Amino acid sequence: MKFRYSEENASLINRLERMVSSGKIAHAYIFEGPEFVDKRGFAESFVKGILCPDRRGDGCGACGICDKVDHGNHEDIIYIKASGSSVKDADITGMQDSLKSKPFGERHVVIIENSDTMTARAQNRLLKTLEEPPGASVIILLSENMESLAQTIRSRCVKYRINHFGSEGYDFMMERATGIAEMVLEKKPFYQLAEQIDAVTGSSEDAAGFLDSLQVVFRNMLVKDEKGISRYRRDDIISNIYAVEAARRQIREGVSRSYAIKDLLIKIGG
């Protein structure tokens, strides 16, 4: 996949490339990631790997098919995005009608942006397509928060999260998140965290990057815990991962970045 990502996403890209190269392509995927991640670009890079006749898996980036994907005018790709504040029932109906026609190539691909804004009726209609996918079609849902999608939809999709690490990059955010996580878990005085918090809430991009990094830190602790290395209780680490997601949801709903992250650290340290 010809796309710029942090080290944390490299394993995801490698898995997707191997999957496509082996022909094990699912009918439906959810790519979840913060607002600042170019989820459409990620999806299109993935689609090039599926459709490219010259380099199956990662796409050559030079053939006519890859060029059409890059320019958003490939005949077999159906794009859907929110009209107004949501993806509506009529949008999904139009997609279903398009899928009834024969593709120019080997398959149709649907990319639904803002999928977590789908109305209940739109989700119910999409579910019918996911239950009986036409031919070799692939449906890709792009989401900031897949929990907004019905469980019945999530259960029929292969789910991946695309991480984002802020304007300072992967190494900086991981180092910052690791330090803050350890300070909180070791019950350091909260005032010592003030400067650290200011450094990761200066922009929406950095706040999103910090929360992604913090989740990676806790997931890494779970891996170590399975090997008998972690100093922290497994249940506490799992609770902390959910707490990070709750903070992300608070920010999305309009709570100030600084307040949401301070509240998160209090909960983790409690």
Protein backbone atom coordinates (compact mmCIF):
# COMPACT_ATOMS: atom_id res chain seq x y z
CA MET A 1 0.00 0.00 0.00
CA LYS A 2 1.58 3.25 -1.14
CA PHE A 3 0.69 5.43 1.81
CA ARG A 4 2.60 7.24 4.58
CA TYR A 5 2.01 5.81 8.03
CA SER A 6 3.66 5.48 11.41
CA GLU A 7 5.46 2.36 12.53
CA GLU A 8 2.43 1.28 14.57
CA ASN A 9 0.35 0.96 11.38
CA ALA A 10 3.03 -0.96 9.46
CA SER A 11 1.83 -4.34 10.72
CA LEU A 12 -1.73 -3.50 9.66
CA ILE A 13 -0.58 -2.58 6.16
CA ASN A 14 1.48 -5.77 5.91
CA ARG A 15 -1.49 -7.89 7.01
CA LEU A 16 -3.77 -6.30 4.44
CA GLU A 17 -1.21 -6.74 1.65
CA ARG A 18 -0.69 -10.41 2.51
CA MET A 19 -4.43 -10.98 2.70
CA VAL A 20 -5.06 -9.48 -0.73
CA SER A 21 -2.07 -11.25 -2.29
CA SER A 22 -3.41 -14.59 -1.05
CA GLY A 23 -6.87 -13.87 -2.41
CA LYS A 24 -8.48 -13.88 1.06
CA ILE A 25 -10.55 -10.74 0.60
CA ALA A 26 -13.55 -10.23 2.86
CA HIS A 27 -16.84 -8.76 1.68
CA ALA A 28 -16.85 -5.93 4.22
CA TYR A 29 -14.37 -3.91 6.29
CA ILE A 30 -14.50 -1.12 8.86
CA PHE A 31 -11.52 1.24 8.99
CA GLU A 32 -11.80 3.33 12.15
CA GLY A 33 -9.58 6.30 12.88
CA PRO A 34 -9.57 9.87 14.26
CA GLU A 35 -10.83 12.80 12.22
CA PHE A 36 -7.32 13.79 11.14
CA VAL A 37 -6.46 10.42 9.61
CA ASP A 38 -6.97 10.30 5.85
CA LYS A 39 -9.22 7.24 6.01
CA ARG A 40 -10.38 7.64 2.41
CA GLY A 41 -6.77 7.73 1.24
CA PHE A 42 -6.05 4.59 3.26
CA ALA A 43 -9.10 2.85 1.77
CA GLU A 44 -8.18 3.84 -1.78
CA SER A 45 -4.65 2.55 -1.28
CA PHE A 46 -6.15 -0.74 -0.07
CA VAL A 47 -8.50 -0.81 -3.09
CA LYS A 48 -5.58 -0.34 -5.48
CA GLY A 49 -4.05 -3.45 -3.98
CA ILE A 50 -7.28 -5.32 -4.69
CA LEU A 51 -7.89 -4.07 -8.24
CA CYS A 52 -4.38 -3.54 -9.65
CA PRO A 53 -3.61 -6.21 -12.27
CA ASP A 54 0.16 -5.74 -12.05
CA ARG A 55 0.92 -5.76 -8.31
CA ARG A 56 -1.83 -7.49 -6.39
CA GLY A 57 -1.57 -6.62 -2.73
CA ASP A 58 -0.03 -3.15 -2.72
CA GLY A 59 -0.85 -1.75 -6.19
CA CYS A 60 1.69 -0.53 -8.71
CA GLY A 61 0.54 3.09 -8.61
CA ALA A 62 1.25 3.50 -12.31
CA CYS A 63 -1.31 1.51 -14.31
CA GLY A 64 -4.60 2.85 -15.64
CA ILE A 65 -6.60 1.29 -12.83
CA CYS A 66 -4.39 2.75 -10.07
CA ASP A 67 -4.54 6.13 -11.82
CA LYS A 68 -8.35 6.05 -11.87
CA VAL A 69 -8.47 5.15 -8.19
CA ASP A 70 -6.11 8.05 -7.41
CA HIS A 71 -8.39 10.44 -9.30
CA GLY A 72 -11.61 9.10 -7.80
CA ASN A 73 -13.15 8.14 -11.13
CA HIS A 74 -12.86 4.34 -11.30
CA GLU A 75 -16.05 2.93 -12.82
CA ASP A 76 -16.41 0.13 -10.28
CA ILE A 77 -15.92 2.21 -7.12
CA ILE A 78 -19.07 3.60 -5.52
CA TYR A 79 -18.50 6.49 -3.11
CA ILE A 80 -21.03 7.41 -0.43
CA LYS A 81 -20.70 10.15 2.15
CA ALA A 82 -22.97 12.05 4.47
CA SER A 83 -25.43 14.40 2.82
CA GLY A 84 -26.03 17.02 5.46
CA SER A 85 -25.41 15.51 8.87
CA SER A 86 -25.88 11.83 8.02
CA VAL A 87 -25.72 9.03 5.48
CA LYS A 88 -29.34 8.40 4.65
CA ASP A 89 -31.53 5.51 3.58
CA ALA A 90 -31.70 6.86 0.03
CA ASP A 91 -27.89 6.82 -0.23
CA ILE A 92 -27.80 3.10 0.61
CA THR A 93 -30.71 2.39 -1.75
CA GLY A 94 -28.74 4.02 -4.57
CA MET A 95 -25.71 1.89 -3.71
CA GLN A 96 -27.80 -1.28 -3.80
CA ASP A 97 -29.14 -0.36 -7.24
CA SER A 98 -25.59 0.21 -8.50
CA LEU A 99 -24.46 -3.17 -7.18
CA LYS A 100 -27.12 -4.89 -9.31
CA SER A 101 -25.23 -3.92 -12.48
CA LYS A 102 -22.28 -5.94 -13.75
CA PRO A 103 -18.89 -4.40 -12.85
CA PHE A 104 -16.54 -3.33 -15.65
CA GLY A 105 -13.77 -5.29 -13.97
CA GLU A 106 -13.83 -8.20 -11.57
CA ARG A 107 -15.76 -6.57 -8.70
CA HIS A 108 -17.56 -3.54 -7.33
CA VAL A 109 -16.05 -1.66 -4.38
CA VAL A 110 -18.13 0.57 -2.11
CA ILE A 111 -16.49 3.19 0.13
CA ILE A 112 -18.86 4.69 2.70
CA GLU A 113 -17.38 7.77 4.34
CA ASN A 114 -18.84 9.04 7.64
CA SER A 115 -20.40 5.59 8.07
CA ASP A 116 -20.97 6.18 11.78
CA THR A 117 -23.48 8.91 10.84
CA MET A 118 -25.80 6.47 9.07
CA THR A 119 -29.41 6.74 10.15
CA ALA A 120 -31.06 3.69 11.70
CA ARG A 121 -32.97 3.05 8.47
CA ALA A 122 -29.78 3.32 6.42
CA GLN A 123 -28.01 0.84 8.70
CA ASN A 124 -30.90 -1.61 8.49
CA ARG A 125 -30.83 -1.37 4.71
CA LEU A 126 -27.06 -1.82 4.57
CA LEU A 127 -27.36 -4.88 6.80
CA LYS A 128 -29.37 -6.65 4.10
CA THR A 129 -26.50 -6.15 1.65
CA LEU A 130 -23.93 -7.33 4.19
CA GLU A 131 -26.00 -10.46 4.86
CA GLU A 132 -26.21 -11.29 1.14
CA PRO A 133 -23.28 -9.52 -0.57
CA PRO A 134 -23.61 -9.48 -4.35
CA GLY A 135 -20.85 -11.30 -6.22
CA ALA A 136 -17.29 -10.44 -5.25
CA SER A 137 -18.15 -6.91 -4.13
CA VAL A 138 -16.23 -5.29 -1.26
CA ILE A 139 -17.84 -2.75 1.06
CA ILE A 140 -15.57 -0.48 3.13
CA LEU A 141 -16.98 1.60 5.99
CA LEU A 142 -14.90 4.54 7.19
CA SER A 143 -15.62 5.59 10.75
CA GLU A 144 -14.37 7.76 13.59
CA ASN A 145 -16.22 5.62 16.11
CA MET A 146 -17.47 2.21 15.03
CA GLU A 147 -19.44 1.90 18.28
CA SER A 148 -22.00 4.17 16.61
CA LEU A 149 -22.71 1.38 14.14
CA ALA A 150 -25.16 -1.38 14.98
CA GLN A 151 -23.57 -4.48 16.46
CA THR A 152 -25.13 -6.54 13.65
CA ILE A 153 -23.18 -4.47 11.11
CA ARG A 154 -19.92 -4.60 13.07
CA SER A 155 -20.18 -8.37 13.41
CA ARG A 156 -20.29 -8.79 9.62
CA CYS A 157 -17.20 -6.67 8.95
CA VAL A 158 -13.47 -7.17 9.39
CA LYS A 159 -12.48 -4.32 11.71
CA TYR A 160 -9.22 -2.36 11.81
CA ARG A 161 -8.14 0.81 13.58
CA ILE A 162 -5.83 3.26 11.85
CA ASN A 163 -3.77 5.02 14.50
CA HIS A 164 -2.66 8.63 14.40
CA PHE A 165 0.17 10.16 16.35
CA GLY A 166 -0.17 13.93 16.17
CA SER A 167 1.96 16.65 14.63
CA GLU A 168 5.10 15.56 16.51
CA GLY A 169 5.04 12.03 15.10
CA TYR A 170 5.09 8.49 16.42
CA ASP A 171 8.24 8.51 18.55
CA PHE A 172 7.40 11.73 20.38
CA MET A 173 3.81 10.75 21.16
CA MET A 174 4.70 7.22 22.24
CA GLU A 175 7.40 8.52 24.57
CA ARG A 176 5.04 11.13 26.00
CA ALA A 177 2.16 8.64 26.42
CA THR A 178 4.41 6.05 28.06
CA GLY A 179 5.72 8.58 30.55
CA ILE A 180 2.28 9.91 31.43
CA ALA A 181 0.80 6.40 31.73
CA GLU A 182 3.52 5.33 34.15
CA MET A 183 3.21 8.52 36.23
CA VAL A 184 -0.55 8.01 36.57
CA LEU A 185 -0.38 4.29 37.31
CA GLU A 186 2.31 4.90 39.91
CA LYS A 187 0.02 7.45 41.62
CA LYS A 188 2.30 10.44 41.09
CA PRO A 189 0.84 13.78 42.32
CA PHE A 190 -1.53 15.18 39.72
CA TYR A 191 0.15 18.59 39.63
CA GLN A 192 3.24 16.92 38.13
CA LEU A 193 1.16 16.03 35.08
CA ALA A 194 0.02 19.58 34.30
CA GLU A 195 2.89 20.44 31.97
CA GLN A 196 2.69 17.04 30.27
CA ILE A 197 -1.04 17.49 29.62
CA ASP A 198 -0.54 20.96 28.11
CA ALA A 199 1.96 19.47 25.67
CA VAL A 200 -0.58 17.01 24.25
CA THR A 201 -3.69 19.19 24.13
CA GLY A 202 -2.39 22.15 22.17
CA SER A 203 -4.31 21.07 19.07
CA SER A 204 -7.03 18.59 18.15
CA GLU A 205 -4.44 16.71 16.09
CA ASP A 206 -2.09 16.30 19.06
CA ALA A 207 -4.90 15.30 21.43
CA ALA A 208 -6.03 12.61 18.98
CA GLY A 209 -2.43 11.47 18.58
CA PHE A 210 -1.92 11.28 22.34
CA LEU A 211 -5.07 9.21 22.89
CA ASP A 212 -4.08 6.80 20.12
CA SER A 213 -0.61 6.49 21.60
CA LEU A 214 -1.98 5.92 25.09
CA GLN A 215 -4.15 3.06 23.83
CA VAL A 216 -1.09 1.50 22.19
CA VAL A 217 0.82 1.78 25.49
CA PHE A 218 -1.94 -0.04 27.37
CA ARG A 219 -2.28 -2.69 24.67
CA ASN A 220 1.46 -3.29 24.88
CA MET A 221 1.08 -3.73 28.63
CA LEU A 222 -1.52 -6.41 27.98
CA VAL A 223 0.92 -8.29 25.77
CA LYS A 224 3.59 -8.09 28.47
CA ASP A 225 1.05 -9.19 31.07
CA GLU A 226 0.45 -12.39 29.11
CA LYS A 227 4.20 -13.06 29.49
CA GLY A 228 4.15 -12.37 33.22
CA ILE A 229 6.06 -9.09 32.95
CA SER A 230 3.55 -6.31 33.55
CA ARG A 231 3.44 -4.59 36.94
CA TYR A 232 -0.26 -3.75 36.53
CA ARG A 233 -3.47 -5.74 36.86
CA ARG A 234 -4.91 -6.94 33.57
CA ASP A 235 -8.45 -5.80 34.44
CA ASP A 236 -7.17 -2.31 35.22
CA ILE A 237 -5.37 -2.07 31.90
CA ILE A 238 -8.49 -3.17 30.00
CA SER A 239 -10.55 -0.57 31.90
CA ASN A 240 -7.99 2.06 30.95
CA ILE A 241 -8.29 1.20 27.26
CA TYR A 242 -12.05 1.75 27.48
CA ALA A 243 -11.48 4.99 29.41
CA VAL A 244 -9.32 6.31 26.55
CA GLU A 245 -12.12 5.57 24.11
CA ALA A 246 -14.57 7.41 26.38
CA ALA A 247 -12.28 10.47 26.39
CA ARG A 248 -12.11 10.36 22.61
CA ARG A 249 -15.92 10.30 22.53
CA GLN A 250 -16.14 13.26 24.94
CA ILE A 251 -13.91 15.37 22.71
CA ARG A 252 -15.96 14.39 19.67
CA GLU A 253 -19.09 15.56 21.50
CA GLY A 254 -17.61 18.99 22.22
CA VAL A 255 -15.93 18.64 25.63
CA SER A 256 -12.68 20.60 25.78
CA ARG A 257 -9.57 18.57 25.02
CA SER A 258 -7.84 19.59 28.23
CA TYR A 259 -10.80 18.70 30.43
CA ALA A 260 -11.42 15.35 28.73
CA ILE A 261 -7.80 14.26 29.08
CA LYS A 262 -7.50 15.49 32.68
CA ASP A 263 -10.70 13.58 33.50
CA LEU A 264 -9.27 10.51 31.78
CA LEU A 265 -6.06 10.61 33.82
CA ILE A 266 -8.00 11.02 37.05
CA LYS A 267 -10.04 7.92 36.20
CA ILE A 268 -6.93 5.93 35.31
CA GLY A 269 -5.13 7.06 38.45
CA GLY A 270 -8.14 6.34 40.66
